[in-house]
């Protein structure tokens, strides 16, 4: 009788251990992150933000340079140059941040160099309305992207005031460019809606790639 009781207790104990081991090894159970792991995640978020924004401002500056190659001597030339100069200021700031925070730039910069200039140049050849349509589409995506980044920084508890203030200011500049484009007949461009959507898809794809590569 005693041996039966001992055997029953041993079986129960073994089952409890097996159950515990099974639960411990389950992929559904996540261990709390320690401070080192939390800081690593925050660092990765900051790196991705600076990398993609550095690439984005470079690409935006190249778009305006492409437009100026065609439209510099037109009535819209000074306005496009003013927006281009703002993008170059944005680019200079992210050049500074990418150096100070030791962030690896995207390897896709040579592609954005050619693609940005090409988009600006071709859209300007299509007319000032198409050039402004590109501005509206690109700046709409970028301003939304900056808002997403601000939410991401807040959700992760990252208190980088310089980065947050930089993103807020540049977002406001991009929104201003978007409104300028609308005021200067962007919506009168041929096939405005499909053309705009195509540019937005291309911009979102560039953002996705530059964040990761």
N, C-alpha and C. Protein backbone atom coordinates (compact mmCIF):
# COMPACT_ATOMS: atom_id res chain seq x y z
N UNK A 1 0.84 -1.20 0.00
CA UNK A 1 0.00 0.00 0.00
C UNK A 1 0.88 1.25 0.00
N UNK A 2 1.92 1.24 0.88
CA UNK A 2 2.82 2.38 0.97
C UNK A 2 3.57 2.59 -0.35
N UNK A 3 3.96 1.47 -0.96
CA UNK A 3 4.68 1.58 -2.24
C UNK A 3 3.78 2.15 -3.34
N UNK A 4 2.49 1.82 -3.29
CA UNK A 4 1.53 2.34 -4.26
C UNK A 4 1.38 3.84 -4.09
N UNK A 5 1.30 4.30 -2.81
CA UNK A 5 1.16 5.74 -2.54
C UNK A 5 2.39 6.49 -3.03
N UNK A 6 3.59 5.90 -2.74
CA UNK A 6 4.83 6.53 -3.18
C UNK A 6 4.90 6.62 -4.69
N UNK A 7 4.47 5.56 -5.36
CA UNK A 7 4.48 5.55 -6.84
C UNK A 7 3.55 6.62 -7.40
N UNK A 8 2.38 6.75 -6.77
CA UNK A 8 1.40 7.76 -7.22
C UNK A 8 1.96 9.16 -7.06
N UNK A 9 2.62 9.43 -5.90
CA UNK A 9 3.20 10.74 -5.66
C UNK A 9 4.32 11.05 -6.67
N UNK A 10 5.12 10.01 -6.96
CA UNK A 10 6.21 10.19 -7.92
C UNK A 10 5.69 10.52 -9.31
N UNK A 11 4.62 9.83 -9.69
CA UNK A 11 4.00 10.09 -11.01
C UNK A 11 3.48 11.51 -11.09
N UNK A 12 2.80 11.96 -10.01
CA UNK A 12 2.25 13.32 -9.97
C UNK A 12 3.36 14.36 -10.06
N UNK A 13 4.44 14.11 -9.27
CA UNK A 13 5.56 15.04 -9.27
C UNK A 13 6.21 15.12 -10.65
N UNK A 14 6.36 13.98 -11.29
CA UNK A 14 6.95 13.93 -12.63
C UNK A 14 6.09 14.69 -13.64
N UNK A 15 4.76 14.51 -13.54
CA UNK A 15 3.84 15.20 -14.45
C UNK A 15 3.89 16.71 -14.25
N UNK A 16 4.01 17.14 -12.98
CA UNK A 16 4.10 18.57 -12.69
C UNK A 16 5.36 19.16 -13.31
N UNK A 17 6.49 18.46 -13.16
CA UNK A 17 7.75 18.92 -13.73
C UNK A 17 7.66 19.02 -15.25
N UNK A 18 7.05 17.96 -15.85
CA UNK A 18 6.90 17.97 -17.31
C UNK A 18 6.04 19.14 -17.76
N UNK A 19 4.96 19.37 -17.02
CA UNK A 19 4.06 20.48 -17.37
C UNK A 19 4.79 21.81 -17.26
N UNK A 20 5.56 22.00 -16.19
CA UNK A 20 6.31 23.23 -15.98
C UNK A 20 7.32 23.45 -17.10
N UNK A 21 8.05 22.38 -17.43
CA UNK A 21 9.05 22.47 -18.49
C UNK A 21 8.41 22.81 -19.82
N UNK A 22 7.23 22.21 -20.06
CA UNK A 22 6.52 22.47 -21.31
C UNK A 22 6.10 23.92 -21.40
N UNK A 23 5.59 24.46 -20.28
CA UNK A 23 5.15 25.86 -20.26
C UNK A 23 6.33 26.79 -20.41
N UNK A 24 7.43 26.49 -19.73
CA UNK A 24 8.62 27.33 -19.77
C UNK A 24 9.19 27.41 -21.17
N UNK A 25 9.06 26.32 -21.90
CA UNK A 25 9.62 26.29 -23.26
C UNK A 25 8.66 26.81 -24.31
N UNK A 26 7.47 27.20 -23.90
CA UNK A 26 6.46 27.64 -24.87
C UNK A 26 6.86 28.98 -25.48
N UNK A 27 6.64 29.12 -26.78
CA UNK A 27 6.95 30.37 -27.46
C UNK A 27 5.97 31.47 -27.11
N UNK A 28 4.86 31.11 -26.46
CA UNK A 28 3.86 32.11 -26.08
C UNK A 28 4.23 32.85 -24.80
N UNK A 29 5.19 32.31 -24.04
CA UNK A 29 5.60 32.93 -22.80
C UNK A 29 6.85 33.76 -23.06
N UNK A 30 6.76 35.07 -22.83
CA UNK A 30 7.89 35.95 -23.07
C UNK A 30 8.48 36.44 -21.75
N UNK A 31 9.79 36.35 -21.65
CA UNK A 31 10.46 36.83 -20.46
C UNK A 31 10.50 38.36 -20.49
N UNK A 32 10.41 38.99 -19.32
CA UNK A 32 10.55 40.46 -19.28
C UNK A 32 11.93 40.87 -19.77
N UNK A 33 11.98 41.97 -20.51
CA UNK A 33 13.26 42.45 -21.03
C UNK A 33 14.06 43.10 -19.91
N UNK A 34 15.35 42.84 -19.89
CA UNK A 34 16.19 43.53 -18.92
C UNK A 34 16.59 44.89 -19.49
N UNK A 35 17.29 45.69 -18.69
CA UNK A 35 17.62 47.06 -19.08
C UNK A 35 18.51 47.09 -20.32
N UNK A 36 19.43 46.16 -20.42
CA UNK A 36 20.33 46.12 -21.58
C UNK A 36 19.54 45.86 -22.86
N UNK A 37 18.60 44.91 -22.79
CA UNK A 37 17.78 44.58 -23.96
C UNK A 37 16.87 45.75 -24.35
N UNK A 38 16.33 46.45 -23.36
CA UNK A 38 15.48 47.62 -23.63
C UNK A 38 16.26 48.72 -24.34
N UNK A 39 17.48 48.96 -23.85
CA UNK A 39 18.31 49.99 -24.46
C UNK A 39 18.71 49.61 -25.87
N UNK A 40 18.92 48.32 -26.10
CA UNK A 40 19.27 47.85 -27.44
C UNK A 40 18.12 48.10 -28.41
N UNK A 41 16.89 47.84 -27.97
CA UNK A 41 15.71 48.07 -28.82
C UNK A 41 15.56 49.56 -29.12
N UNK A 42 15.76 50.40 -28.10
CA UNK A 42 15.66 51.85 -28.30
C UNK A 42 16.71 52.32 -29.30
N UNK A 43 17.91 51.78 -29.17
CA UNK A 43 18.99 52.14 -30.08
C UNK A 43 18.64 51.75 -31.51
N UNK A 44 18.06 50.58 -31.70
CA UNK A 44 17.68 50.11 -33.03
C UNK A 44 16.60 51.01 -33.64
N UNK A 45 15.66 51.45 -32.82
CA UNK A 45 14.60 52.35 -33.30
C UNK A 45 15.20 53.67 -33.77
N UNK A 46 16.10 54.23 -32.97
CA UNK A 46 16.73 55.50 -33.33
C UNK A 46 17.56 55.35 -34.60
N UNK A 47 18.28 54.26 -34.71
CA UNK A 47 19.10 54.02 -35.91
C UNK A 47 18.22 53.96 -37.16
N UNK A 48 17.12 53.23 -37.06
CA UNK A 48 16.23 53.10 -38.23
C UNK A 48 15.64 54.45 -38.62
N UNK A 49 15.24 55.22 -37.63
CA UNK A 49 14.64 56.53 -37.91
C UNK A 49 15.64 57.45 -38.60
N UNK A 50 16.83 57.54 -38.06
CA UNK A 50 17.83 58.44 -38.63
C UNK A 50 18.26 57.95 -40.02
N UNK A 51 18.41 56.64 -40.17
CA UNK A 51 18.83 56.10 -41.47
C UNK A 51 17.81 56.43 -42.57
N UNK A 52 16.55 56.18 -42.30
CA UNK A 52 15.53 56.40 -43.33
C UNK A 52 15.30 57.88 -43.58
N UNK A 53 15.37 58.70 -42.53
CA UNK A 53 15.15 60.14 -42.72
C UNK A 53 16.32 60.79 -43.46
N UNK A 54 17.51 60.31 -43.17
CA UNK A 54 18.70 60.77 -43.90
C UNK A 54 18.53 60.47 -45.40
N UNK A 55 18.09 59.26 -45.71
CA UNK A 55 17.87 58.87 -47.11
C UNK A 55 16.72 59.66 -47.73
N UNK A 56 15.65 59.86 -46.95
CA UNK A 56 14.48 60.55 -47.46
C UNK A 56 14.75 61.99 -47.82
N UNK A 57 15.47 62.69 -46.96
CA UNK A 57 15.77 64.10 -47.24
C UNK A 57 16.73 64.24 -48.42
N UNK A 58 17.64 63.28 -48.54
CA UNK A 58 18.53 63.28 -49.71
C UNK A 58 17.72 63.09 -50.99
N UNK A 59 16.80 62.11 -50.96
CA UNK A 59 15.96 61.86 -52.13
C UNK A 59 15.08 63.05 -52.48
N UNK A 60 14.52 63.70 -51.45
CA UNK A 60 13.65 64.86 -51.69
C UNK A 60 14.44 66.01 -52.33
N UNK A 61 15.65 66.24 -51.83
CA UNK A 61 16.49 67.30 -52.40
C UNK A 61 16.79 67.01 -53.87
N UNK A 62 17.02 65.75 -54.18
CA UNK A 62 17.31 65.37 -55.58
C UNK A 62 16.09 65.55 -56.48
N UNK A 63 14.89 65.32 -55.94
CA UNK A 63 13.67 65.54 -56.73
C UNK A 63 13.58 67.01 -57.15
N UNK A 64 13.80 67.90 -56.18
CA UNK A 64 13.72 69.33 -56.49
C UNK A 64 14.83 69.76 -57.45
N UNK A 65 16.01 69.16 -57.32
CA UNK A 65 17.10 69.48 -58.24
C UNK A 65 16.73 69.06 -59.66
N UNK A 66 16.07 67.91 -59.78
CA UNK A 66 15.61 67.47 -61.10
C UNK A 66 14.58 68.41 -61.68
N UNK A 67 13.67 68.91 -60.85
CA UNK A 67 12.66 69.85 -61.31
C UNK A 67 13.29 71.18 -61.73
N UNK A 68 14.30 71.61 -60.97
CA UNK A 68 14.95 72.88 -61.28
C UNK A 68 15.74 72.80 -62.59
N UNK A 69 16.19 71.62 -62.96
CA UNK A 69 16.92 71.46 -64.22
C UNK A 69 16.04 71.81 -65.41
N UNK A 70 14.73 71.74 -65.21
CA UNK A 70 13.78 72.05 -66.28
C UNK A 70 13.07 73.38 -66.05
N UNK A 71 12.71 73.66 -64.81
CA UNK A 71 11.83 74.79 -64.49
C UNK A 71 12.51 75.96 -63.82
N UNK A 72 13.82 75.97 -63.73
CA UNK A 72 14.51 77.02 -62.97
C UNK A 72 14.25 78.42 -63.51
N UNK A 73 14.05 78.56 -64.81
CA UNK A 73 13.85 79.88 -65.42
C UNK A 73 12.39 80.23 -65.64
N UNK A 74 11.49 79.45 -65.05
CA UNK A 74 10.07 79.73 -65.17
C UNK A 74 9.58 80.50 -63.95
N UNK A 75 8.31 80.84 -63.96
CA UNK A 75 7.71 81.58 -62.84
C UNK A 75 7.79 80.77 -61.55
N UNK A 76 7.71 79.45 -61.67
CA UNK A 76 7.73 78.59 -60.48
C UNK A 76 9.15 78.31 -59.98
N UNK A 77 10.16 78.69 -60.77
CA UNK A 77 11.54 78.39 -60.42
C UNK A 77 11.96 78.83 -59.02
N UNK A 78 11.75 80.11 -58.66
CA UNK A 78 12.16 80.58 -57.33
C UNK A 78 11.46 79.82 -56.19
N UNK A 79 10.19 79.47 -56.39
CA UNK A 79 9.44 78.74 -55.37
C UNK A 79 10.03 77.33 -55.18
N UNK A 80 10.31 76.66 -56.29
CA UNK A 80 10.90 75.32 -56.22
C UNK A 80 12.28 75.39 -55.57
N UNK A 81 13.04 76.43 -55.90
CA UNK A 81 14.38 76.58 -55.31
C UNK A 81 14.29 76.79 -53.80
N UNK A 82 13.29 77.55 -53.38
CA UNK A 82 13.10 77.78 -51.94
C UNK A 82 12.82 76.46 -51.21
N UNK A 83 11.96 75.63 -51.80
CA UNK A 83 11.67 74.33 -51.19
C UNK A 83 12.90 73.42 -51.23
N UNK A 84 13.66 73.50 -52.32
CA UNK A 84 14.88 72.70 -52.44
C UNK A 84 15.89 73.09 -51.36
N UNK A 85 15.99 74.39 -51.10
CA UNK A 85 16.93 74.86 -50.07
C UNK A 85 16.54 74.35 -48.69
N UNK A 86 15.23 74.29 -48.42
CA UNK A 86 14.77 73.74 -47.14
C UNK A 86 15.13 72.26 -47.02
N UNK A 87 14.97 71.52 -48.12
CA UNK A 87 15.30 70.10 -48.10
C UNK A 87 16.80 69.90 -47.87
N UNK A 88 17.62 70.80 -48.40
CA UNK A 88 19.06 70.70 -48.19
C UNK A 88 19.41 70.98 -46.73
N UNK A 89 18.66 71.87 -46.09
CA UNK A 89 18.86 72.11 -44.65
C UNK A 89 18.49 70.85 -43.86
N UNK A 90 17.39 70.21 -44.25
CA UNK A 90 16.99 68.95 -43.60
C UNK A 90 18.09 67.90 -43.78
N UNK A 91 18.59 67.82 -45.01
CA UNK A 91 19.63 66.84 -45.31
C UNK A 91 20.88 67.09 -44.47
N UNK A 92 21.25 68.36 -44.33
CA UNK A 92 22.44 68.70 -43.54
C UNK A 92 22.26 68.30 -42.07
N UNK A 93 21.06 68.47 -41.55
CA UNK A 93 20.80 68.09 -40.16
C UNK A 93 20.94 66.59 -39.97
N UNK A 94 20.40 65.82 -40.89
CA UNK A 94 20.51 64.36 -40.76
C UNK A 94 21.92 63.87 -41.07
N UNK A 95 22.68 64.61 -41.87
CA UNK A 95 24.10 64.30 -42.02
C UNK A 95 24.80 64.43 -40.68
N UNK A 96 24.43 65.47 -39.94
CA UNK A 96 25.00 65.69 -38.62
C UNK A 96 24.61 64.57 -37.65
N UNK A 97 23.31 64.22 -37.63
CA UNK A 97 22.83 63.20 -36.70
C UNK A 97 23.39 61.82 -37.02
N UNK A 98 23.53 61.52 -38.30
CA UNK A 98 24.01 60.19 -38.67
C UNK A 98 25.48 60.02 -38.25
N UNK A 99 26.20 61.15 -38.22
CA UNK A 99 27.60 61.12 -37.77
C UNK A 99 27.68 61.08 -36.25
N UNK A 100 26.93 61.96 -35.59
CA UNK A 100 27.00 62.05 -34.13
C UNK A 100 26.53 60.78 -33.44
N UNK A 101 25.50 60.16 -33.98
CA UNK A 101 24.93 58.97 -33.35
C UNK A 101 25.47 57.67 -33.95
N UNK A 102 26.44 57.80 -34.84
CA UNK A 102 27.14 56.64 -35.42
C UNK A 102 26.16 55.64 -36.05
N UNK A 103 25.34 56.17 -36.95
CA UNK A 103 24.34 55.35 -37.64
C UNK A 103 24.83 55.04 -39.04
N UNK A 104 24.71 53.80 -39.44
CA UNK A 104 25.08 53.40 -40.79
C UNK A 104 24.05 53.91 -41.78
N UNK A 105 24.47 54.67 -42.79
CA UNK A 105 23.49 55.12 -43.80
C UNK A 105 23.03 53.97 -44.67
N UNK A 106 21.91 54.15 -45.33
CA UNK A 106 21.42 53.11 -46.23
C UNK A 106 22.40 52.90 -47.39
N UNK A 107 22.48 51.67 -47.84
CA UNK A 107 23.35 51.37 -48.98
C UNK A 107 22.66 51.73 -50.30
N UNK A 108 21.41 52.17 -50.21
CA UNK A 108 20.62 52.46 -51.41
C UNK A 108 20.74 53.91 -51.87
N UNK A 109 21.58 54.70 -51.21
CA UNK A 109 21.71 56.12 -51.57
C UNK A 109 22.01 56.35 -53.05
N UNK A 110 22.89 55.56 -53.68
CA UNK A 110 23.14 55.78 -55.12
C UNK A 110 21.88 55.62 -55.97
N UNK A 111 21.00 54.71 -55.54
CA UNK A 111 19.74 54.52 -56.27
C UNK A 111 18.84 55.72 -56.09
N UNK A 112 18.71 56.19 -54.85
CA UNK A 112 17.83 57.35 -54.59
C UNK A 112 18.39 58.60 -55.26
N UNK A 113 19.69 58.67 -55.41
CA UNK A 113 20.32 59.79 -56.10
C UNK A 113 19.79 59.91 -57.53
N UNK A 114 19.81 58.78 -58.23
CA UNK A 114 19.36 58.76 -59.63
C UNK A 114 17.83 58.81 -59.72
N UNK A 115 17.16 58.01 -58.88
CA UNK A 115 15.69 57.93 -58.94
C UNK A 115 15.05 59.27 -58.56
N UNK A 116 15.58 59.93 -57.53
CA UNK A 116 15.03 61.21 -57.11
C UNK A 116 15.15 62.25 -58.20
N UNK A 117 16.35 62.40 -58.75
CA UNK A 117 16.56 63.38 -59.81
C UNK A 117 15.70 63.04 -61.03
N UNK A 118 15.63 61.75 -61.36
CA UNK A 118 14.84 61.33 -62.52
C UNK A 118 13.36 61.65 -62.36
N UNK A 119 12.83 61.39 -61.17
CA UNK A 119 11.42 61.68 -60.92
C UNK A 119 11.15 63.18 -61.05
N UNK A 120 12.03 63.98 -60.47
CA UNK A 120 11.85 65.43 -60.56
C UNK A 120 11.95 65.92 -61.99
N UNK A 121 12.92 65.42 -62.72
CA UNK A 121 13.16 65.87 -64.09
C UNK A 121 12.00 65.50 -65.01
N UNK A 122 11.58 64.24 -64.95
CA UNK A 122 10.50 63.77 -65.82
C UNK A 122 9.19 64.47 -65.50
N UNK A 123 8.90 64.63 -64.21
CA UNK A 123 7.64 65.30 -63.83
C UNK A 123 7.64 66.75 -64.31
N UNK A 124 8.80 67.41 -64.26
CA UNK A 124 8.88 68.80 -64.73
C UNK A 124 8.69 68.88 -66.24
N UNK A 125 9.20 67.88 -66.97
CA UNK A 125 8.99 67.85 -68.42
C UNK A 125 7.51 67.71 -68.76
N UNK A 126 6.76 67.07 -67.85
CA UNK A 126 5.32 66.90 -68.06
C UNK A 126 4.55 68.20 -67.79
N UNK A 127 5.22 69.17 -67.19
CA UNK A 127 4.58 70.45 -66.90
C UNK A 127 4.67 70.79 -65.42
N UNK A 128 4.49 72.05 -65.10
CA UNK A 128 4.61 72.49 -63.70
C UNK A 128 3.56 71.83 -62.82
N UNK A 129 2.38 71.53 -63.39
CA UNK A 129 1.33 70.89 -62.60
C UNK A 129 1.76 69.49 -62.15
N UNK A 130 2.41 68.75 -63.05
CA UNK A 130 2.88 67.41 -62.69
C UNK A 130 4.01 67.50 -61.66
N UNK A 131 4.87 68.51 -61.80
CA UNK A 131 5.94 68.70 -60.82
C UNK A 131 5.36 68.97 -59.44
N UNK A 132 4.32 69.80 -59.40
CA UNK A 132 3.68 70.10 -58.12
C UNK A 132 2.91 68.89 -57.59
N UNK A 133 2.39 68.07 -58.50
CA UNK A 133 1.70 66.85 -58.07
C UNK A 133 2.67 65.91 -57.38
N UNK A 134 3.90 65.82 -57.88
CA UNK A 134 4.93 65.01 -57.24
C UNK A 134 5.22 65.55 -55.84
N UNK A 135 5.33 66.87 -55.73
CA UNK A 135 5.58 67.49 -54.42
C UNK A 135 4.48 67.13 -53.43
N UNK A 136 3.24 67.25 -53.87
CA UNK A 136 2.11 66.95 -52.97
C UNK A 136 2.14 65.49 -52.54
N UNK A 137 2.35 64.59 -53.49
CA UNK A 137 2.33 63.15 -53.17
C UNK A 137 3.47 62.78 -52.22
N UNK A 138 4.68 63.22 -52.56
CA UNK A 138 5.85 62.86 -51.74
C UNK A 138 5.75 63.47 -50.35
N UNK A 139 5.39 64.74 -50.28
CA UNK A 139 5.34 65.41 -48.97
C UNK A 139 4.20 64.89 -48.10
N UNK A 140 3.13 64.43 -48.72
CA UNK A 140 2.04 63.82 -47.95
C UNK A 140 2.52 62.55 -47.26
N UNK A 141 3.21 61.71 -48.01
CA UNK A 141 3.73 60.46 -47.44
C UNK A 141 4.77 60.75 -46.36
N UNK A 142 5.67 61.69 -46.62
CA UNK A 142 6.74 61.97 -45.67
C UNK A 142 6.21 62.58 -44.38
N UNK A 143 5.23 63.48 -44.48
CA UNK A 143 4.67 64.08 -43.25
C UNK A 143 3.95 63.01 -42.41
N UNK A 144 3.24 62.10 -43.07
CA UNK A 144 2.61 60.98 -42.34
C UNK A 144 3.68 60.09 -41.70
N UNK A 145 4.75 59.88 -42.43
CA UNK A 145 5.86 59.06 -41.94
C UNK A 145 6.49 59.69 -40.69
N UNK A 146 6.65 61.00 -40.71
CA UNK A 146 7.21 61.69 -39.55
C UNK A 146 6.28 61.57 -38.34
N UNK A 147 4.98 61.66 -38.57
CA UNK A 147 4.02 61.49 -37.47
C UNK A 147 4.12 60.08 -36.88
N UNK A 148 4.26 59.09 -37.75
CA UNK A 148 4.42 57.70 -37.28
C UNK A 148 5.67 57.56 -36.43
N UNK A 149 6.74 58.22 -36.83
CA UNK A 149 7.99 58.15 -36.06
C UNK A 149 7.84 58.79 -34.68
N UNK A 150 7.13 59.90 -34.61
CA UNK A 150 6.92 60.55 -33.31
C UNK A 150 6.13 59.64 -32.37
N UNK A 151 5.12 58.97 -32.92
CA UNK A 151 4.35 58.01 -32.11
C UNK A 151 5.24 56.85 -31.66
N UNK A 152 6.09 56.38 -32.56
CA UNK A 152 6.98 55.27 -32.25
C UNK A 152 7.95 55.64 -31.13
N UNK A 153 8.49 56.83 -31.19
CA UNK A 153 9.42 57.30 -30.15
C UNK A 153 8.71 57.40 -28.80
N UNK A 154 7.50 57.93 -28.82
CA UNK A 154 6.74 58.05 -27.57
C UNK A 154 6.36 56.69 -27.00
N UNK A 155 5.91 55.79 -27.86
CA UNK A 155 5.51 54.46 -27.40
C UNK A 155 6.68 53.68 -26.81
N UNK A 156 7.88 53.91 -27.35
CA UNK A 156 9.06 53.21 -26.87
C UNK A 156 9.69 53.89 -25.66
N UNK A 157 9.13 55.03 -25.26
CA UNK A 157 9.68 55.74 -24.11
C UNK A 157 11.04 56.35 -24.38
N UNK A 158 11.28 56.75 -25.63
CA UNK A 158 12.56 57.35 -26.01
C UNK A 158 12.47 58.86 -25.87
N UNK A 159 13.26 59.42 -24.97
CA UNK A 159 13.20 60.85 -24.68
C UNK A 159 14.38 61.56 -25.33
N UNK A 160 14.45 61.50 -26.64
CA UNK A 160 15.50 62.19 -27.40
C UNK A 160 14.90 63.50 -27.91
N UNK A 161 15.07 64.56 -27.13
CA UNK A 161 14.40 65.83 -27.45
C UNK A 161 14.88 66.41 -28.77
N UNK A 162 16.18 66.31 -29.05
CA UNK A 162 16.71 66.86 -30.30
C UNK A 162 16.08 66.17 -31.51
N UNK A 163 16.01 64.84 -31.46
CA UNK A 163 15.45 64.09 -32.57
C UNK A 163 13.96 64.40 -32.73
N UNK A 164 13.23 64.45 -31.64
CA UNK A 164 11.80 64.73 -31.70
C UNK A 164 11.53 66.13 -32.27
N UNK A 165 12.28 67.12 -31.80
CA UNK A 165 12.07 68.49 -32.28
C UNK A 165 12.45 68.62 -33.75
N UNK A 166 13.49 67.89 -34.16
CA UNK A 166 13.89 67.89 -35.57
C UNK A 166 12.79 67.32 -36.44
N UNK A 167 12.23 66.19 -36.01
CA UNK A 167 11.17 65.55 -36.79
C UNK A 167 9.93 66.44 -36.85
N UNK A 168 9.57 67.08 -35.74
CA UNK A 168 8.39 67.96 -35.72
C UNK A 168 8.57 69.13 -36.68
N UNK A 169 9.74 69.76 -36.65
CA UNK A 169 9.98 70.91 -37.52
C UNK A 169 9.96 70.51 -38.99
N UNK A 170 10.63 69.40 -39.30
CA UNK A 170 10.69 68.97 -40.70
C UNK A 170 9.33 68.52 -41.19
N UNK A 171 8.55 67.89 -40.31
CA UNK A 171 7.18 67.51 -40.68
C UNK A 171 6.38 68.75 -41.08
N UNK A 172 6.49 69.81 -40.29
CA UNK A 172 5.76 71.05 -40.59
C UNK A 172 6.23 71.66 -41.91
N UNK A 173 7.53 71.58 -42.18
CA UNK A 173 8.04 72.09 -43.46
C UNK A 173 7.46 71.29 -44.62
N UNK A 174 7.40 69.96 -44.46
CA UNK A 174 6.86 69.11 -45.54
C UNK A 174 5.38 69.39 -45.77
N UNK A 175 4.65 69.62 -44.70
CA UNK A 175 3.23 69.97 -44.84
C UNK A 175 3.07 71.30 -45.58
N UNK A 176 3.96 72.23 -45.30
CA UNK A 176 3.93 73.51 -46.01
C UNK A 176 4.18 73.30 -47.50
N UNK A 177 5.15 72.46 -47.83
CA UNK A 177 5.43 72.16 -49.24
C UNK A 177 4.21 71.52 -49.92
N UNK A 178 3.54 70.63 -49.18
CA UNK A 178 2.36 69.98 -49.73
C UNK A 178 1.27 71.01 -50.07
N UNK A 179 1.04 71.94 -49.16
CA UNK A 179 0.02 72.97 -49.40
C UNK A 179 0.43 73.90 -50.55
N UNK A 180 1.71 74.18 -50.66
CA UNK A 180 2.19 75.00 -51.77
C UNK A 180 1.90 74.30 -53.09
N UNK A 181 2.14 73.00 -53.14
CA UNK A 181 1.87 72.24 -54.36
C UNK A 181 0.41 72.29 -54.75
N UNK A 182 -0.47 72.15 -53.77
CA UNK A 182 -1.92 72.21 -54.05
C UNK A 182 -2.31 73.59 -54.55
N UNK A 183 -1.75 74.62 -53.92
CA UNK A 183 -2.07 76.00 -54.31
C UNK A 183 -1.56 76.33 -55.72
N UNK A 184 -0.56 75.59 -56.18
CA UNK A 184 0.01 75.85 -57.50
C UNK A 184 -0.37 74.77 -58.51
N UNK A 185 -1.63 74.37 -58.44
CA UNK A 185 -2.29 73.59 -59.50
C UNK A 185 -1.85 72.13 -59.63
N UNK A 186 -1.41 71.54 -58.54
CA UNK A 186 -1.03 70.12 -58.59
C UNK A 186 -2.18 69.25 -59.07
N UNK A 187 -3.38 69.58 -58.65
CA UNK A 187 -4.54 68.73 -58.98
C UNK A 187 -4.98 68.89 -60.43
N UNK A 188 -4.35 69.81 -61.16
CA UNK A 188 -4.66 69.98 -62.58
C UNK A 188 -3.72 69.16 -63.46
N UNK A 189 -2.81 68.42 -62.85
CA UNK A 189 -1.88 67.59 -63.61
C UNK A 189 -2.64 66.50 -64.36
N UNK A 190 -2.16 66.10 -65.54
CA UNK A 190 -2.82 65.01 -66.28
C UNK A 190 -2.86 63.73 -65.43
N UNK A 191 -4.02 63.10 -65.41
CA UNK A 191 -4.20 61.86 -64.65
C UNK A 191 -3.70 62.02 -63.21
N UNK A 192 -4.13 63.10 -62.58
CA UNK A 192 -3.59 63.46 -61.26
C UNK A 192 -3.70 62.33 -60.24
N UNK A 193 -4.88 61.74 -60.10
CA UNK A 193 -5.08 60.73 -59.05
C UNK A 193 -4.22 59.48 -59.24
N UNK A 194 -4.25 58.83 -60.41
CA UNK A 194 -3.39 57.64 -60.57
C UNK A 194 -1.91 58.00 -60.52
N UNK A 195 -1.55 59.15 -61.07
CA UNK A 195 -0.15 59.58 -61.04
C UNK A 195 0.29 59.81 -59.60
N UNK A 196 -0.55 60.47 -58.82
CA UNK A 196 -0.25 60.74 -57.41
C UNK A 196 -0.11 59.45 -56.62
N UNK A 197 -1.02 58.50 -56.85
CA UNK A 197 -0.96 57.23 -56.13
C UNK A 197 0.30 56.45 -56.47
N UNK A 198 0.70 56.51 -57.73
CA UNK A 198 1.92 55.83 -58.16
C UNK A 198 3.15 56.40 -57.44
N UNK A 199 3.21 57.72 -57.36
CA UNK A 199 4.33 58.38 -56.67
C UNK A 199 4.31 58.03 -55.18
N UNK A 200 3.13 57.98 -54.59
CA UNK A 200 3.02 57.64 -53.17
C UNK A 200 3.52 56.21 -52.91
N UNK A 201 3.13 55.28 -53.79
CA UNK A 201 3.58 53.89 -53.64
C UNK A 201 5.10 53.82 -53.74
N UNK A 202 5.66 54.53 -54.70
CA UNK A 202 7.11 54.54 -54.85
C UNK A 202 7.80 55.12 -53.63
N UNK A 203 7.23 56.19 -53.06
CA UNK A 203 7.81 56.83 -51.87
C UNK A 203 7.75 55.90 -50.67
N UNK A 204 6.61 55.24 -50.48
CA UNK A 204 6.46 54.30 -49.36
C UNK A 204 7.42 53.12 -49.49
N UNK A 205 7.61 52.66 -50.72
CA UNK A 205 8.55 51.56 -50.96
C UNK A 205 9.97 51.98 -50.62
N UNK A 206 10.34 53.20 -51.02
CA UNK A 206 11.67 53.72 -50.72
C UNK A 206 11.88 53.84 -49.21
N UNK A 207 10.85 54.27 -48.50
CA UNK A 207 10.93 54.38 -47.04
C UNK A 207 11.13 53.01 -46.42
N UNK A 208 10.36 52.05 -46.86
CA UNK A 208 10.44 50.69 -46.29
C UNK A 208 11.83 50.10 -46.51
N UNK A 209 12.35 50.27 -47.71
CA UNK A 209 13.68 49.72 -48.02
C UNK A 209 14.78 50.43 -47.25
N UNK A 210 14.72 51.76 -47.20
CA UNK A 210 15.78 52.52 -46.55
C UNK A 210 15.82 52.32 -45.05
N UNK A 211 14.70 51.94 -44.47
CA UNK A 211 14.67 51.66 -43.04
C UNK A 211 15.45 50.40 -42.73
N UNK A 212 15.49 49.46 -43.67
CA UNK A 212 16.03 48.13 -43.40
C UNK A 212 17.38 47.85 -44.04
N UNK A 213 17.66 48.51 -45.16
CA UNK A 213 18.86 48.14 -45.92
C UNK A 213 19.97 49.19 -45.76
